[in-house]
């Protein structure tokens, strides 16, 4: 199944070259892949992938992804 992954800021440096990358930010993953499994596949350190959104809503690492989902991954942010 195809999901889109938007990685922001300093996290982009971790993204590997992979055959699972279909095109641009789209990745081919197996059914029932969780957010956490996808983050591991992308080599994103758990402590640096701080804010996770699936289809614009906050998600945790246990969320099971569906065909066409869009995952946004943000690093820790500070400031005010």
C-alpha atoms as a PDB file:
ATOM      1  CA  UNK A   1       0.000   0.000   0.000  1.00  0.00           C
ATOM      2  CA  UNK A   2       1.179   3.539  -0.645  1.00  0.00           C
ATOM      3  CA  UNK A   3       1.501   6.174   2.105  1.00  0.00           C
ATOM      4  CA  UNK A   4       2.957   9.652   1.893  1.00  0.00           C
ATOM      5  CA  UNK A   5       5.532  10.756   4.454  1.00  0.00           C
ATOM      6  CA  UNK A   6       6.396  14.422   4.969  1.00  0.00           C
ATOM      7  CA  UNK A   7       9.603  14.791   6.989  1.00  0.00           C
ATOM      8  CA  UNK A   8      10.539  18.244   8.272  1.00  0.00           C
ATOM      9  CA  UNK A   9      13.647  20.191   9.253  1.00  0.00           C
ATOM     10  CA  UNK A  10      16.655  18.316  10.623  1.00  0.00           C
ATOM     11  CA  UNK A  11      14.950  14.913  10.292  1.00  0.00           C
ATOM     12  CA  UNK A  12      15.347  14.897   6.496  1.00  0.00           C
ATOM     13  CA  UNK A  13      19.004  13.892   6.856  1.00  0.00           C
ATOM     14  CA  UNK A  14      17.991  10.436   8.129  1.00  0.00           C
ATOM     15  CA  UNK A  15      15.877   9.390   5.148  1.00  0.00           C
ATOM     16  CA  UNK A  16      17.559   6.457   3.394  1.00  0.00           C
ATOM     17  CA  UNK A  17      17.616   5.537  -0.253  1.00  0.00           C
ATOM     18  CA  UNK A  18      15.275   2.570  -0.483  1.00  0.00           C
ATOM     19  CA  UNK A  19      13.415   0.436  -2.997  1.00  0.00           C
ATOM     20  CA  UNK A  20      10.273   1.040  -0.904  1.00  0.00           C
ATOM     21  CA  UNK A  21      10.349   4.687  -1.957  1.00  0.00           C
ATOM     22  CA  UNK A  22       7.929   4.874  -4.858  1.00  0.00           C
ATOM     23  CA  UNK A  23       8.190   8.518  -5.869  1.00  0.00           C
ATOM     24  CA  UNK A  24       8.980  11.719  -4.000  1.00  0.00           C
ATOM     25  CA  UNK A  25       7.526  11.351  -0.506  1.00  0.00           C
ATOM     26  CA  UNK A  26       5.484   8.222  -1.285  1.00  0.00           C
ATOM     27  CA  UNK A  27       6.469   4.874   0.205  1.00  0.00           C
ATOM     28  CA  UNK A  28       5.233   1.349  -0.444  1.00  0.00           C
ATOM     29  CA  UNK A  29       4.640  -0.445   2.864  1.00  0.00           C
ATOM     30  CA  UNK A  30       2.917  -3.682   3.812  1.00  0.00           C
ATOM     31  CA  UNK A  31      -0.651  -3.719   5.116  1.00  0.00           C
ATOM     32  CA  UNK A  32      -1.020  -3.032   8.856  1.00  0.00           C
ATOM     33  CA  UNK A  33       2.259  -1.100   9.083  1.00  0.00           C
ATOM     34  CA  UNK A  34       2.271   1.143  12.146  1.00  0.00           C
ATOM     35  CA  UNK A  35       3.631   4.666  12.349  1.00  0.00           C
ATOM     36  CA  UNK A  36       6.440   3.334  14.562  1.00  0.00           C
ATOM     37  CA  UNK A  37       7.398   0.630  12.071  1.00  0.00           C
ATOM     38  CA  UNK A  38       7.515   3.179   9.279  1.00  0.00           C
ATOM     39  CA  UNK A  39       9.693   5.502  11.356  1.00  0.00           C
ATOM     40  CA  UNK A  40      12.097   2.590  11.958  1.00  0.00           C
ATOM     41  CA  UNK A  41      12.136   1.807   8.241  1.00  0.00           C
ATOM     42  CA  UNK A  42      13.083   5.441   7.588  1.00  0.00           C
ATOM     43  CA  UNK A  43      15.871   5.352  10.234  1.00  0.00           C
ATOM     44  CA  UNK A  44      14.275   8.173  12.209  1.00  0.00           C
ATOM     45  CA  UNK A  45      15.479   8.164  15.847  1.00  0.00           C
ATOM     46  CA  UNK A  46      12.559   7.837  18.248  1.00  0.00           C
ATOM     47  CA  UNK A  47      13.694  10.754  20.401  1.00  0.00           C
ATOM     48  CA  UNK A  48      13.929  13.071  17.385  1.00  0.00           C
ATOM     49  CA  UNK A  49      10.579  12.268  15.735  1.00  0.00           C
ATOM     50  CA  UNK A  50       8.585  14.286  18.224  1.00  0.00           C
ATOM     51  CA  UNK A  51       5.309  15.412  16.655  1.00  0.00           C
ATOM     52  CA  UNK A  52       3.443  12.896  14.496  1.00  0.00           C
ATOM     53  CA  UNK A  53       0.340  13.697  12.466  1.00  0.00           C
ATOM     54  CA  UNK A  54      -1.649  11.320  10.265  1.00  0.00           C
ATOM     55  CA  UNK A  55      -4.003  13.099   7.886  1.00  0.00           C
ATOM     56  CA  UNK A  56      -3.634  16.265   9.960  1.00  0.00           C
ATOM     57  CA  UNK A  57      -4.451  14.672  13.332  1.00  0.00           C
ATOM     58  CA  UNK A  58      -2.067  13.822  16.157  1.00  0.00           C
ATOM     59  CA  UNK A  59      -1.042  10.156  16.105  1.00  0.00           C
ATOM     60  CA  UNK A  60       1.081   7.825  18.185  1.00  0.00           C
ATOM     61  CA  UNK A  61       3.571   5.208  17.047  1.00  0.00           C
ATOM     62  CA  UNK A  62       1.005   2.410  17.406  1.00  0.00           C
ATOM     63  CA  UNK A  63      -1.378   3.872  14.832  1.00  0.00           C
ATOM     64  CA  UNK A  64      -1.933   1.497  11.923  1.00  0.00           C
ATOM     65  CA  UNK A  65      -1.552   3.257   8.598  1.00  0.00           C
ATOM     66  CA  UNK A  66      -4.070   2.916   5.778  1.00  0.00           C
ATOM     67  CA  UNK A  67      -3.719   3.226   2.009  1.00  0.00           C
ATOM     68  CA  UNK A  68      -3.356   6.903   1.076  1.00  0.00           C
ATOM     69  CA  UNK A  69      -2.560   8.177   4.594  1.00  0.00           C
ATOM     70  CA  UNK A  70      -0.262  11.174   4.902  1.00  0.00           C
ATOM     71  CA  UNK A  71       2.188  11.106   7.825  1.00  0.00           C
ATOM     72  CA  UNK A  72       3.855  14.363   8.894  1.00  0.00           C
ATOM     73  CA  UNK A  73       6.913  14.014  11.131  1.00  0.00           C
ATOM     74  CA  UNK A  74       8.357  17.010  12.999  1.00  0.00           C
ATOM     75  CA  UNK A  75      11.433  17.242  15.242  1.00  0.00           C
ATOM     76  CA  UNK A  76      11.222  18.760  18.742  1.00  0.00           C
ATOM     77  CA  UNK A  77      10.550  22.479  18.523  1.00  0.00           C
ATOM     78  CA  UNK A  78      11.274  25.257  20.936  1.00  0.00           C
ATOM     79  CA  UNK A  79      10.585  28.917  21.075  1.00  0.00           C
ATOM     80  CA  UNK A  80       7.570  30.954  21.768  1.00  0.00           C
END
